């Protein structure tokens, strides 16, 4: 009888433990089922960064046609449209600086009129108010000379000096026969150079023959 009572007590204890134990496994992990789902296309799913639609994008605006306008007015209008990286140059290739913008007018612009990023560089080719724009477009200034003498004929003495190496000795002569001093070099056009265009440059001095713009060589 004693053994039977112990066995019965043991059976009751096992039944109580079973009732208080974990529920049967249903195949669902509670921790997993309670976690938020991962949106489609996220880093966790694809390994790639999802584009943020709220991220800032490059702004763009319409750049007006400035040809024929005064340089100061063109600059003001460009800034009003949202463009602030502005430059200007002498469209005649003489290398003159636009000191008073209202005394210059726009012949060309780059980029052309249209829609562009507002951080684009806007360059105006200009001449003085009393001058005509070059018929063939901007007269490009020569790039920095390397080992070959550029063709400077028709360019300003200032442009030639800027293109030649700073260590080059340069002599400028008035070839009009008037023996004038060449003071404002952007006002003088080159008629000849020695060495001539295409010759090898290896440190030798350069002689330039020039007259004032508007005069014949």
N, C-alpha and C. Protein backbone atom coordinates (compact mmCIF):
# COMPACT_ATOMS: atom_id res chain seq x y z
N UNK A 1 0.84 -1.22 0.00
CA UNK A 1 0.00 0.00 0.00
C UNK A 1 0.86 1.24 0.00
N UNK A 2 1.98 1.24 0.72
CA UNK A 2 2.86 2.41 0.78
C UNK A 2 3.45 2.72 -0.59
N UNK A 3 3.87 1.68 -1.31
CA UNK A 3 4.44 1.88 -2.65
C UNK A 3 3.42 2.46 -3.59
N UNK A 4 2.19 2.03 -3.47
CA UNK A 4 1.13 2.53 -4.34
C UNK A 4 0.87 4.00 -4.11
N UNK A 5 0.90 4.41 -2.81
CA UNK A 5 0.67 5.82 -2.52
C UNK A 5 1.78 6.70 -3.11
N UNK A 6 3.03 6.21 -2.97
CA UNK A 6 4.14 6.99 -3.56
C UNK A 6 4.00 7.10 -5.05
N UNK A 7 3.66 6.02 -5.69
CA UNK A 7 3.50 6.06 -7.17
C UNK A 7 2.40 7.02 -7.56
N UNK A 8 1.32 7.03 -6.79
CA UNK A 8 0.22 7.95 -7.11
C UNK A 8 0.63 9.37 -6.92
N UNK A 9 1.40 9.62 -5.85
CA UNK A 9 1.87 11.01 -5.61
C UNK A 9 2.79 11.46 -6.72
N UNK A 10 3.65 10.53 -7.15
CA UNK A 10 4.59 10.88 -8.25
C UNK A 10 3.84 11.21 -9.52
N UNK A 11 2.79 10.43 -9.82
CA UNK A 11 1.99 10.68 -11.03
C UNK A 11 1.30 12.02 -10.97
N UNK A 12 0.77 12.37 -9.78
CA UNK A 12 0.12 13.68 -9.64
C UNK A 12 1.11 14.82 -9.83
N UNK A 13 2.36 14.65 -9.31
CA UNK A 13 3.38 15.70 -9.46
C UNK A 13 3.76 15.89 -10.92
N UNK A 14 3.93 14.82 -11.66
CA UNK A 14 4.27 14.91 -13.08
C UNK A 14 3.17 15.60 -13.88
N UNK A 15 1.91 15.29 -13.53
CA UNK A 15 0.78 15.92 -14.24
C UNK A 15 0.75 17.41 -14.01
N UNK A 16 1.06 17.82 -12.74
CA UNK A 16 1.06 19.26 -12.42
C UNK A 16 2.16 19.98 -13.18
N UNK A 17 3.35 19.36 -13.27
CA UNK A 17 4.48 19.99 -13.98
C UNK A 17 4.17 20.12 -15.47
N UNK A 18 3.52 19.14 -16.02
CA UNK A 18 3.17 19.19 -17.45
C UNK A 18 2.18 20.30 -17.74
N UNK A 19 1.22 20.51 -16.85
CA UNK A 19 0.21 21.56 -17.04
C UNK A 19 0.82 22.94 -16.99
N UNK A 20 1.89 23.12 -16.17
CA UNK A 20 2.51 24.45 -16.01
C UNK A 20 3.61 24.69 -17.02
N UNK A 21 4.03 23.73 -17.81
CA UNK A 21 5.15 23.85 -18.74
C UNK A 21 4.79 24.64 -19.97
N UNK A 22 5.75 24.86 -20.92
CA UNK A 22 5.52 25.62 -22.16
C UNK A 22 4.51 24.95 -23.05
N UNK A 23 3.84 25.71 -23.82
CA UNK A 23 2.84 25.18 -24.74
C UNK A 23 3.53 24.46 -25.87
N UNK A 24 2.77 23.72 -26.58
CA UNK A 24 3.33 22.94 -27.69
C UNK A 24 3.87 23.86 -28.75
N UNK A 25 4.98 23.48 -29.40
CA UNK A 25 5.62 24.26 -30.45
C UNK A 25 4.73 24.29 -31.68
N UNK A 26 4.37 25.52 -32.11
CA UNK A 26 3.49 25.65 -33.28
C UNK A 26 4.25 26.00 -34.53
N UNK A 27 5.61 26.11 -34.39
CA UNK A 27 6.42 26.46 -35.56
C UNK A 27 6.61 27.95 -35.70
N UNK A 28 6.13 28.76 -34.75
CA UNK A 28 6.27 30.21 -34.83
C UNK A 28 7.07 30.71 -33.65
N UNK A 29 8.17 31.47 -33.92
CA UNK A 29 8.99 32.04 -32.87
C UNK A 29 8.36 33.35 -32.45
N UNK A 30 8.02 33.47 -31.17
CA UNK A 30 7.35 34.69 -30.69
C UNK A 30 8.21 35.92 -30.95
N UNK A 31 9.55 35.80 -30.73
CA UNK A 31 10.42 36.97 -30.92
C UNK A 31 10.41 37.40 -32.38
N UNK A 32 10.39 36.43 -33.30
CA UNK A 32 10.39 36.75 -34.71
C UNK A 32 9.07 37.33 -35.15
N UNK A 33 7.97 36.78 -34.65
CA UNK A 33 6.66 37.23 -35.08
C UNK A 33 6.34 38.62 -34.57
N UNK A 34 6.97 39.03 -33.45
CA UNK A 34 6.69 40.37 -32.93
C UNK A 34 7.57 41.44 -33.52
N UNK A 35 8.67 41.06 -34.24
CA UNK A 35 9.57 42.06 -34.82
C UNK A 35 8.92 42.70 -36.03
N UNK A 36 9.20 44.00 -36.28
CA UNK A 36 8.61 44.67 -37.44
C UNK A 36 9.15 44.10 -38.73
N UNK A 37 8.32 44.04 -39.74
CA UNK A 37 8.73 43.48 -41.02
C UNK A 37 9.67 44.43 -41.72
N UNK A 38 10.55 43.88 -42.57
CA UNK A 38 11.52 44.68 -43.31
C UNK A 38 10.92 45.11 -44.63
N UNK A 39 10.89 46.41 -44.92
CA UNK A 39 10.27 46.86 -46.17
C UNK A 39 11.02 46.36 -47.38
N UNK A 40 10.29 46.16 -48.44
CA UNK A 40 10.87 45.65 -49.68
C UNK A 40 11.90 46.63 -50.21
N UNK A 41 13.05 46.09 -50.67
CA UNK A 41 14.09 46.93 -51.25
C UNK A 41 15.01 47.53 -50.22
N UNK A 42 14.93 47.13 -48.92
CA UNK A 42 15.76 47.70 -47.88
C UNK A 42 17.14 47.09 -47.91
N UNK A 43 18.05 47.66 -47.08
CA UNK A 43 19.40 47.14 -47.00
C UNK A 43 19.40 45.69 -46.56
N UNK A 44 18.51 45.34 -45.58
CA UNK A 44 18.49 43.97 -45.05
C UNK A 44 18.14 42.97 -46.13
N UNK A 45 17.32 43.35 -47.08
CA UNK A 45 16.86 42.39 -48.10
C UNK A 45 17.78 42.34 -49.29
N UNK A 46 18.25 43.51 -49.78
CA UNK A 46 19.01 43.56 -51.03
C UNK A 46 20.48 43.84 -50.83
N UNK A 47 20.88 44.36 -49.67
CA UNK A 47 22.27 44.71 -49.46
C UNK A 47 22.62 46.04 -50.08
N UNK A 48 21.66 46.75 -50.66
CA UNK A 48 21.90 48.05 -51.28
C UNK A 48 21.16 49.13 -50.52
N UNK A 49 21.75 50.35 -50.59
CA UNK A 49 21.13 51.48 -49.90
C UNK A 49 19.90 51.94 -50.66
N UNK A 50 18.81 52.12 -49.93
CA UNK A 50 17.57 52.58 -50.55
C UNK A 50 17.63 54.09 -50.74
N UNK A 51 17.32 54.58 -51.94
CA UNK A 51 17.32 56.01 -52.19
C UNK A 51 16.28 56.70 -51.34
N UNK A 52 16.70 57.80 -50.74
CA UNK A 52 15.79 58.57 -49.90
C UNK A 52 15.08 59.59 -50.77
N UNK A 53 13.78 59.44 -50.97
CA UNK A 53 13.08 60.38 -51.86
C UNK A 53 13.10 61.81 -51.35
N UNK A 54 13.40 61.98 -50.07
CA UNK A 54 13.41 63.34 -49.52
C UNK A 54 14.78 63.99 -49.63
N UNK A 55 15.79 63.23 -50.16
CA UNK A 55 17.14 63.79 -50.26
C UNK A 55 17.15 64.95 -51.26
N UNK A 56 18.04 65.90 -51.00
CA UNK A 56 18.15 67.07 -51.89
C UNK A 56 18.71 66.65 -53.24
N UNK A 57 18.20 67.24 -54.29
CA UNK A 57 18.71 66.98 -55.63
C UNK A 57 19.26 68.27 -56.20
N UNK A 58 20.11 68.16 -57.24
CA UNK A 58 20.73 69.33 -57.86
C UNK A 58 19.65 70.23 -58.45
N UNK A 59 19.66 71.51 -58.07
CA UNK A 59 18.64 72.42 -58.56
C UNK A 59 18.97 72.90 -59.96
N UNK A 60 17.97 73.23 -60.71
CA UNK A 60 18.14 73.72 -62.08
C UNK A 60 17.22 74.91 -62.29
N UNK A 61 17.58 75.74 -63.25
CA UNK A 61 16.77 76.92 -63.56
C UNK A 61 17.00 77.28 -65.02
N UNK A 62 16.21 78.21 -65.50
CA UNK A 62 16.31 78.64 -66.90
C UNK A 62 17.23 79.85 -67.01
N UNK A 63 18.28 79.70 -67.81
CA UNK A 63 19.21 80.79 -68.07
C UNK A 63 18.72 81.57 -69.28
N UNK A 64 18.41 82.87 -69.13
CA UNK A 64 17.90 83.65 -70.27
C UNK A 64 18.97 83.91 -71.32
N UNK A 65 18.55 84.39 -72.47
CA UNK A 65 19.45 84.80 -73.55
C UNK A 65 19.92 86.22 -73.24
N UNK A 66 21.22 86.39 -73.03
CA UNK A 66 21.77 87.69 -72.63
C UNK A 66 22.42 88.45 -73.78
N UNK A 67 22.50 87.85 -74.97
CA UNK A 67 23.19 88.50 -76.08
C UNK A 67 22.60 89.87 -76.38
N UNK A 68 23.47 90.86 -76.50
CA UNK A 68 23.03 92.22 -76.81
C UNK A 68 22.76 93.07 -75.59
N UNK A 69 22.72 92.46 -74.41
CA UNK A 69 22.45 93.23 -73.19
C UNK A 69 23.75 93.77 -72.61
N UNK A 70 23.64 94.81 -71.82
CA UNK A 70 24.80 95.31 -71.11
C UNK A 70 25.28 94.26 -70.13
N UNK A 71 26.58 94.23 -69.90
CA UNK A 71 27.14 93.20 -69.04
C UNK A 71 26.57 93.28 -67.63
N UNK A 72 26.43 94.48 -67.09
CA UNK A 72 25.89 94.61 -65.74
C UNK A 72 24.45 94.09 -65.67
N UNK A 73 23.65 94.44 -66.67
CA UNK A 73 22.27 93.97 -66.71
C UNK A 73 22.21 92.46 -66.85
N UNK A 74 23.09 91.90 -67.68
CA UNK A 74 23.12 90.44 -67.88
C UNK A 74 23.48 89.72 -66.58
N UNK A 75 24.44 90.26 -65.87
CA UNK A 75 24.84 89.65 -64.60
C UNK A 75 23.69 89.70 -63.58
N UNK A 76 23.02 90.84 -63.53
CA UNK A 76 21.89 90.98 -62.59
C UNK A 76 20.78 89.99 -62.93
N UNK A 77 20.49 89.85 -64.21
CA UNK A 77 19.42 88.95 -64.64
C UNK A 77 19.79 87.49 -64.38
N UNK A 78 21.05 87.15 -64.60
CA UNK A 78 21.50 85.78 -64.34
C UNK A 78 21.38 85.44 -62.85
N UNK A 79 21.76 86.38 -62.01
CA UNK A 79 21.67 86.15 -60.58
C UNK A 79 20.21 86.04 -60.12
N UNK A 80 19.36 86.85 -60.72
CA UNK A 80 17.94 86.78 -60.37
C UNK A 80 17.35 85.42 -60.75
N UNK A 81 17.92 84.79 -61.78
CA UNK A 81 17.45 83.47 -62.22
C UNK A 81 18.06 82.34 -61.39
N UNK A 82 19.02 82.68 -60.51
CA UNK A 82 19.60 81.67 -59.64
C UNK A 82 21.03 81.27 -59.97
N UNK A 83 21.67 81.96 -60.93
CA UNK A 83 23.04 81.64 -61.33
C UNK A 83 23.99 82.68 -60.73
N UNK A 84 24.98 82.21 -59.98
CA UNK A 84 25.88 83.13 -59.29
C UNK A 84 27.35 82.95 -59.65
N UNK A 85 27.69 81.87 -60.38
CA UNK A 85 29.07 81.65 -60.79
C UNK A 85 29.26 82.28 -62.17
N UNK A 86 29.57 83.58 -62.18
CA UNK A 86 29.61 84.36 -63.42
C UNK A 86 31.03 84.84 -63.72
N UNK A 87 31.41 84.76 -64.99
CA UNK A 87 32.69 85.30 -65.45
C UNK A 87 32.47 86.04 -66.76
N UNK A 88 33.43 86.85 -67.15
CA UNK A 88 33.36 87.56 -68.44
C UNK A 88 34.77 87.70 -69.00
N UNK A 89 34.85 87.85 -70.33
CA UNK A 89 36.14 88.01 -70.99
C UNK A 89 35.98 88.88 -72.22
N UNK A 90 37.11 89.33 -72.73
CA UNK A 90 37.15 90.17 -73.92
C UNK A 90 36.95 89.30 -75.16
N UNK A 91 35.82 89.47 -75.85
CA UNK A 91 35.51 88.63 -77.01
C UNK A 91 36.40 88.93 -78.20
N UNK A 92 37.10 90.07 -78.19
CA UNK A 92 37.99 90.41 -79.30
C UNK A 92 39.39 89.82 -79.12
N UNK A 93 39.59 89.08 -78.03
CA UNK A 93 40.87 88.42 -77.83
C UNK A 93 42.00 89.34 -77.43
N UNK A 94 41.65 90.51 -76.89
CA UNK A 94 42.69 91.48 -76.52
C UNK A 94 43.09 91.37 -75.05
N UNK A 95 42.38 90.55 -74.30
CA UNK A 95 42.76 90.34 -72.92
C UNK A 95 42.43 91.49 -71.99
N UNK A 96 41.52 92.37 -72.40
CA UNK A 96 41.15 93.50 -71.55
C UNK A 96 40.25 93.05 -70.41
N UNK A 97 40.39 93.71 -69.28
CA UNK A 97 39.55 93.42 -68.12
C UNK A 97 38.29 94.26 -68.15
N UNK A 98 37.19 93.68 -67.68
CA UNK A 98 35.92 94.42 -67.62
C UNK A 98 35.85 95.11 -66.25
N UNK A 99 36.47 96.28 -66.18
CA UNK A 99 36.55 97.00 -64.91
C UNK A 99 35.19 97.59 -64.54
N UNK A 100 34.57 98.29 -65.49
CA UNK A 100 33.23 98.84 -65.29
C UNK A 100 32.27 98.03 -66.17
N UNK A 101 31.52 97.15 -65.55
CA UNK A 101 30.67 96.23 -66.32
C UNK A 101 29.65 96.96 -67.19
N UNK A 102 29.17 98.10 -66.73
CA UNK A 102 28.15 98.82 -67.51
C UNK A 102 28.71 99.41 -68.80
N UNK A 103 30.05 99.41 -68.97
CA UNK A 103 30.67 99.90 -70.20
C UNK A 103 30.91 98.80 -71.23
N UNK A 104 30.41 97.58 -70.92
CA UNK A 104 30.61 96.44 -71.81
C UNK A 104 29.26 95.81 -72.14
N UNK A 105 29.18 95.18 -73.29
CA UNK A 105 27.95 94.49 -73.69
C UNK A 105 28.26 93.04 -74.03
N UNK A 106 27.24 92.20 -73.96
CA UNK A 106 27.40 90.76 -74.15
C UNK A 106 27.27 90.39 -75.63
N UNK A 107 28.25 89.66 -76.13
CA UNK A 107 28.19 89.12 -77.49
C UNK A 107 27.78 87.65 -77.50
N UNK A 108 28.23 86.92 -76.50
CA UNK A 108 27.95 85.48 -76.44
C UNK A 108 27.93 85.03 -74.99
N UNK A 109 27.39 83.85 -74.78
CA UNK A 109 27.37 83.29 -73.44
C UNK A 109 27.52 81.78 -73.50
N UNK A 110 28.10 81.24 -72.47
CA UNK A 110 28.26 79.79 -72.33
C UNK A 110 27.99 79.42 -70.88
N UNK A 111 27.02 78.51 -70.66
CA UNK A 111 26.24 77.74 -71.63
C UNK A 111 25.19 78.58 -72.34
N UNK A 112 24.61 78.01 -73.40
CA UNK A 112 23.59 78.69 -74.18
C UNK A 112 22.31 78.85 -73.35
N UNK A 113 21.42 79.73 -73.77
CA UNK A 113 20.16 79.89 -73.04
C UNK A 113 19.41 78.56 -72.92
N UNK A 114 18.79 78.34 -71.78
CA UNK A 114 18.05 77.10 -71.56
C UNK A 114 18.14 76.68 -70.11
N UNK A 115 17.75 75.45 -69.83
CA UNK A 115 17.73 74.94 -68.46
C UNK A 115 19.08 74.33 -68.11
N UNK A 116 19.64 74.78 -67.01
CA UNK A 116 20.95 74.31 -66.56
C UNK A 116 20.98 74.23 -65.04
N UNK A 117 21.92 73.48 -64.51
CA UNK A 117 22.14 73.45 -63.07
C UNK A 117 22.55 74.84 -62.61
N UNK A 118 22.02 75.28 -61.49
CA UNK A 118 22.29 76.64 -61.02
C UNK A 118 23.74 76.82 -60.56
N UNK A 119 24.47 75.72 -60.36
CA UNK A 119 25.87 75.88 -59.99
C UNK A 119 26.79 75.88 -61.21
N UNK A 120 26.21 75.94 -62.42
CA UNK A 120 27.01 75.98 -63.64
C UNK A 120 27.75 77.31 -63.76
N UNK A 121 28.94 77.26 -64.33
CA UNK A 121 29.71 78.48 -64.59
C UNK A 121 29.15 79.15 -65.85
N UNK A 122 28.79 80.41 -65.74
CA UNK A 122 28.25 81.17 -66.88
C UNK A 122 29.30 82.18 -67.30
N UNK A 123 29.78 82.05 -68.55
CA UNK A 123 30.82 82.92 -69.08
C UNK A 123 30.25 83.81 -70.17
N UNK A 124 30.49 85.11 -70.07
CA UNK A 124 30.02 86.06 -71.06
C UNK A 124 31.21 86.57 -71.89
N UNK A 125 31.07 86.48 -73.23
CA UNK A 125 32.03 87.10 -74.13
C UNK A 125 31.56 88.52 -74.41
N UNK A 126 32.40 89.52 -74.19
CA UNK A 126 31.96 90.91 -74.23
C UNK A 126 32.88 91.80 -75.06
N UNK A 127 32.32 92.93 -75.48
CA UNK A 127 33.09 94.01 -76.10
C UNK A 127 32.62 95.32 -75.48
N UNK A 128 33.35 96.39 -75.70
CA UNK A 128 32.93 97.69 -75.20
C UNK A 128 31.69 98.16 -75.96
N UNK A 129 30.94 99.06 -75.35
CA UNK A 129 29.66 99.48 -75.92
C UNK A 129 29.80 100.00 -77.34
N UNK A 130 30.88 100.70 -77.62
CA UNK A 130 31.04 101.31 -78.94
C UNK A 130 31.63 100.35 -79.98
N UNK A 131 31.96 99.14 -79.58
CA UNK A 131 32.57 98.17 -80.48
C UNK A 131 31.54 97.18 -81.02
N UNK A 132 31.89 96.55 -82.13
CA UNK A 132 31.03 95.52 -82.73
C UNK A 132 31.51 94.14 -82.29
N UNK A 133 30.58 93.24 -82.10
CA UNK A 133 30.94 91.87 -81.75
C UNK A 133 31.65 91.21 -82.93
N UNK A 134 32.63 90.35 -82.66
CA UNK A 134 33.35 89.69 -83.76
C UNK A 134 32.40 88.81 -84.58
N UNK A 135 32.49 88.94 -85.90
CA UNK A 135 31.58 88.23 -86.79
C UNK A 135 31.72 86.71 -86.68
N UNK A 136 32.93 86.25 -86.45
CA UNK A 136 33.17 84.80 -86.38
C UNK A 136 33.08 84.22 -84.99
N UNK A 137 32.50 84.96 -84.06
CA UNK A 137 32.44 84.47 -82.69
C UNK A 137 33.64 84.94 -81.89
N UNK A 138 33.69 84.52 -80.65
CA UNK A 138 34.80 84.91 -79.77
C UNK A 138 36.14 84.53 -80.39
N UNK A 139 37.08 85.45 -80.30
CA UNK A 139 38.44 85.17 -80.74
C UNK A 139 39.20 84.56 -79.59
N UNK A 140 39.45 83.29 -79.70
CA UNK A 140 40.08 82.57 -78.60
C UNK A 140 41.49 83.09 -78.36
N UNK A 141 41.82 83.26 -77.09
CA UNK A 141 43.17 83.65 -76.72
C UNK A 141 44.06 82.41 -76.70
N UNK A 142 45.32 82.52 -77.15
CA UNK A 142 46.20 81.35 -77.19
C UNK A 142 46.43 80.78 -75.80
N UNK A 143 46.56 79.47 -75.73
CA UNK A 143 46.88 78.85 -74.47
C UNK A 143 48.35 79.10 -74.14
N UNK A 144 48.72 78.75 -72.93
CA UNK A 144 50.10 78.97 -72.50
C UNK A 144 51.06 78.26 -73.45
N UNK A 145 52.08 79.00 -73.92
CA UNK A 145 53.04 78.44 -74.87
C UNK A 145 53.90 77.40 -74.19
N UNK A 146 54.22 76.34 -74.94
CA UNK A 146 55.11 75.31 -74.38
C UNK A 146 56.47 75.40 -75.06
N UNK A 147 56.75 74.50 -75.97
CA UNK A 147 58.06 74.51 -76.63
C UNK A 147 57.98 75.05 -78.05
N UNK A 148 56.78 75.52 -78.46
CA UNK A 148 56.60 76.04 -79.81
C UNK A 148 56.00 77.43 -79.76
N UNK A 149 56.48 78.32 -80.58
CA UNK A 149 55.99 79.69 -80.62
C UNK A 149 54.58 79.73 -81.20
N UNK A 150 53.60 80.25 -80.44
CA UNK A 150 52.24 80.36 -80.96
C UNK A 150 52.14 81.44 -82.04
N UNK A 151 51.03 81.45 -82.76
CA UNK A 151 50.76 82.49 -83.75
C UNK A 151 50.04 83.64 -83.04
N UNK A 152 50.77 84.72 -82.78
CA UNK A 152 50.21 85.86 -82.06
C UNK A 152 49.74 86.99 -82.97
N UNK A 153 49.94 86.85 -84.27
CA UNK A 153 49.59 87.94 -85.18
C UNK A 153 48.10 88.26 -85.08
N UNK A 154 47.80 89.55 -84.88
CA UNK A 154 46.41 90.00 -84.72
C UNK A 154 45.95 90.00 -83.27
N UNK A 155 46.70 89.34 -82.38
CA UNK A 155 46.38 89.34 -80.96
C UNK A 155 47.00 90.56 -80.29
N UNK A 156 46.63 90.78 -79.05
CA UNK A 156 47.21 91.91 -78.33
C UNK A 156 48.55 91.52 -77.72
N UNK A 157 49.38 92.53 -77.49
CA UNK A 157 50.66 92.28 -76.84
C UNK A 157 50.44 91.70 -75.45
N UNK A 158 49.38 92.14 -74.78
CA UNK A 158 49.08 91.62 -73.44
C UNK A 158 48.83 90.13 -73.48
N UNK A 159 48.08 89.67 -74.46
CA UNK A 159 47.77 88.24 -74.59
C UNK A 159 49.06 87.44 -74.81
N UNK A 160 49.95 87.95 -75.64
CA UNK A 160 51.21 87.26 -75.90
C UNK A 160 52.05 87.16 -74.64
N UNK A 161 52.13 88.24 -73.91
CA UNK A 161 52.92 88.23 -72.69
C UNK A 161 52.37 87.22 -71.68
N UNK A 162 51.04 87.13 -71.60
CA UNK A 162 50.42 86.18 -70.68
C UNK A 162 50.66 84.73 -71.10
N UNK A 163 50.74 84.50 -72.41
CA UNK A 163 50.89 83.14 -72.91
C UNK A 163 52.33 82.64 -72.83
N UNK A 164 53.30 83.55 -72.95
CA UNK A 164 54.71 83.15 -72.90
C UNK A 164 55.14 82.90 -71.46
N UNK A 165 56.15 82.06 -71.32
CA UNK A 165 56.67 81.76 -69.99
C UNK A 165 57.16 83.05 -69.32
N UNK A 166 56.94 83.12 -68.03
CA UNK A 166 57.30 84.34 -67.29
C UNK A 166 58.77 84.66 -67.32
N UNK A 167 59.60 83.68 -67.60
CA UNK A 167 61.05 83.92 -67.65
C UNK A 167 61.52 84.43 -69.00
N UNK A 168 60.63 84.50 -69.99
CA UNK A 168 61.00 84.90 -71.35
C UNK A 168 61.24 86.41 -71.42
N UNK A 169 62.36 86.80 -72.01
CA UNK A 169 62.64 88.22 -72.24
C UNK A 169 61.86 88.70 -73.46
N UNK A 170 61.07 89.77 -73.33
CA UNK A 170 60.21 90.25 -74.41
C UNK A 170 60.52 91.72 -74.72
N UNK A 171 60.74 92.00 -75.99
CA UNK A 171 60.93 93.38 -76.45
C UNK A 171 59.80 93.71 -77.41
N UNK A 172 59.13 94.85 -77.19
CA UNK A 172 58.01 95.26 -78.05
C UNK A 172 58.39 96.54 -78.78
N UNK A 173 58.30 96.51 -80.11
CA UNK A 173 58.65 97.66 -80.93
C UNK A 173 57.43 98.18 -81.67
N UNK A 174 57.28 99.50 -81.73
CA UNK A 174 56.25 100.14 -82.56
C UNK A 174 56.74 100.14 -84.00
N UNK A 175 56.05 99.35 -84.86
CA UNK A 175 56.51 99.22 -86.24
C UNK A 175 55.76 100.19 -87.17
N UNK A 176 55.04 101.16 -86.58
CA UNK A 176 54.34 102.14 -87.41
C UNK A 176 55.28 103.22 -87.95
N UNK A 177 56.49 103.26 -87.41
CA UNK A 177 57.44 104.31 -87.80
C UNK A 177 57.38 105.51 -86.88
N UNK A 178 56.49 105.50 -85.89
CA UNK A 178 56.34 106.65 -84.99
C UNK A 178 57.17 106.50 -83.71
N UNK A 179 57.74 105.35 -83.54
CA UNK A 179 58.62 105.09 -82.41
C UNK A 179 57.95 105.41 -81.06
N UNK A 180 56.71 104.98 -80.91
CA UNK A 180 55.97 105.23 -79.67
C UNK A 180 56.28 104.15 -78.63
N UNK A 181 56.08 104.52 -77.37
CA UNK A 181 56.23 103.56 -76.30
C UNK A 181 54.94 102.74 -76.18
N UNK A 182 55.08 101.45 -75.97
CA UNK A 182 53.92 100.57 -75.81
C UNK A 182 53.61 100.50 -74.31
N UNK A 183 52.60 101.24 -73.91
CA UNK A 183 52.27 101.32 -72.49
C UNK A 183 51.12 100.39 -72.11
N UNK A 184 49.94 100.61 -72.70
CA UNK A 184 48.79 99.74 -72.42
C UNK A 184 48.80 98.62 -73.46
N UNK A 185 49.34 97.48 -73.10
CA UNK A 185 49.61 96.44 -74.09
C UNK A 185 48.35 95.84 -74.70
N UNK A 186 47.20 95.96 -74.03
CA UNK A 186 45.96 95.43 -74.61
C UNK A 186 45.46 96.31 -75.76
N UNK A 187 46.05 97.50 -75.93
CA UNK A 187 45.66 98.41 -77.02
C UNK A 187 46.55 98.26 -78.25
N UNK A 188 47.47 97.32 -78.20
CA UNK A 188 48.41 97.13 -79.30
C UNK A 188 48.24 95.73 -79.88
N UNK A 189 48.14 95.69 -81.23
CA UNK A 189 48.02 94.39 -81.90
C UNK A 189 49.36 94.00 -82.51
N UNK A 190 49.61 92.70 -82.53
CA UNK A 190 50.89 92.18 -82.98
C UNK A 190 50.90 92.02 -84.50
N UNK A 191 51.96 92.54 -85.11
CA UNK A 191 52.15 92.39 -86.55
C UNK A 191 53.14 91.28 -86.88
N UNK A 192 54.13 91.09 -86.01
CA UNK A 192 55.14 90.08 -86.27
C UNK A 192 55.81 89.67 -84.96
N UNK A 193 56.40 88.49 -85.00
CA UNK A 193 57.17 88.01 -83.85
C UNK A 193 58.47 87.37 -84.34
N UNK A 194 59.49 87.46 -83.52
CA UNK A 194 60.75 86.76 -83.78
C UNK A 194 61.17 86.10 -82.47
N UNK A 195 61.22 84.76 -82.45
CA UNK A 195 61.01 83.82 -83.56
C UNK A 195 59.56 83.81 -84.05
N UNK A 196 59.38 83.35 -85.28
CA UNK A 196 58.06 83.32 -85.91
C UNK A 196 57.23 82.16 -85.35
N UNK A 197 55.93 82.22 -85.66
CA UNK A 197 55.02 81.16 -85.21
C UNK A 197 55.49 79.79 -85.70
N UNK A 198 55.47 78.82 -84.82
CA UNK A 198 55.88 77.46 -85.18
C UNK A 198 57.32 77.16 -84.86
N UNK A 199 58.12 78.19 -84.58
CA UNK A 199 59.53 77.97 -84.26
C UNK A 199 59.68 77.38 -82.87
N UNK A 200 60.80 76.74 -82.64
CA UNK A 200 61.07 76.12 -81.35
C UNK A 200 61.38 77.19 -80.32
N UNK A 201 60.79 77.05 -79.14
CA UNK A 201 61.08 77.94 -78.02
C UNK A 201 61.93 77.18 -77.01
N UNK A 202 63.13 77.70 -76.76
CA UNK A 202 64.00 77.05 -75.79
C UNK A 202 64.68 78.07 -74.88
N UNK A 203 63.94 79.14 -74.59
CA UNK A 203 64.47 80.14 -73.66
C UNK A 203 65.01 81.39 -74.31
N UNK A 204 65.00 81.46 -75.65
CA UNK A 204 65.54 82.64 -76.31
C UNK A 204 64.60 83.84 -76.14
N UNK A 205 65.11 85.08 -76.17
CA UNK A 205 64.26 86.26 -76.08
C UNK A 205 63.31 86.35 -77.27
N UNK A 206 62.20 87.07 -77.08
CA UNK A 206 61.19 87.23 -78.12
C UNK A 206 61.04 88.72 -78.43
N UNK A 207 61.02 89.04 -79.72
CA UNK A 207 60.79 90.42 -80.16
C UNK A 207 59.44 90.50 -80.86
N UNK A 208 58.64 91.49 -80.47
CA UNK A 208 57.30 91.66 -81.02
C UNK A 208 57.21 93.01 -81.71
N UNK A 209 56.71 92.98 -82.96
CA UNK A 209 56.43 94.22 -83.68
C UNK A 209 54.93 94.47 -83.62
N UNK A 210 54.52 95.70 -83.24
CA UNK A 210 53.09 95.96 -83.01
C UNK A 210 52.70 97.38 -83.42
N UNK A 211 51.42 97.55 -83.66
CA UNK A 211 50.81 98.87 -83.88
C UNK A 211 49.55 98.91 -83.03
N UNK A 212 48.97 100.08 -82.90
CA UNK A 212 47.73 100.19 -82.14
C UNK A 212 46.59 99.55 -82.91
N UNK A 213 45.63 99.01 -82.17
CA UNK A 213 44.44 98.45 -82.84
C UNK A 213 43.75 99.56 -83.63
N UNK A 214 43.33 99.21 -84.84
CA UNK A 214 42.74 100.20 -85.74
C UNK A 214 43.73 100.70 -86.77
N UNK A 215 45.02 100.45 -86.54
CA UNK A 215 46.06 100.83 -87.48
C UNK A 215 46.47 99.62 -88.32
N UNK A 216 47.05 99.87 -89.45
CA UNK A 216 47.54 98.79 -90.33
C UNK A 216 48.98 98.48 -90.02
N UNK A 217 49.30 97.20 -90.06
CA UNK A 217 50.67 96.79 -89.81
C UNK A 217 51.59 97.25 -90.96
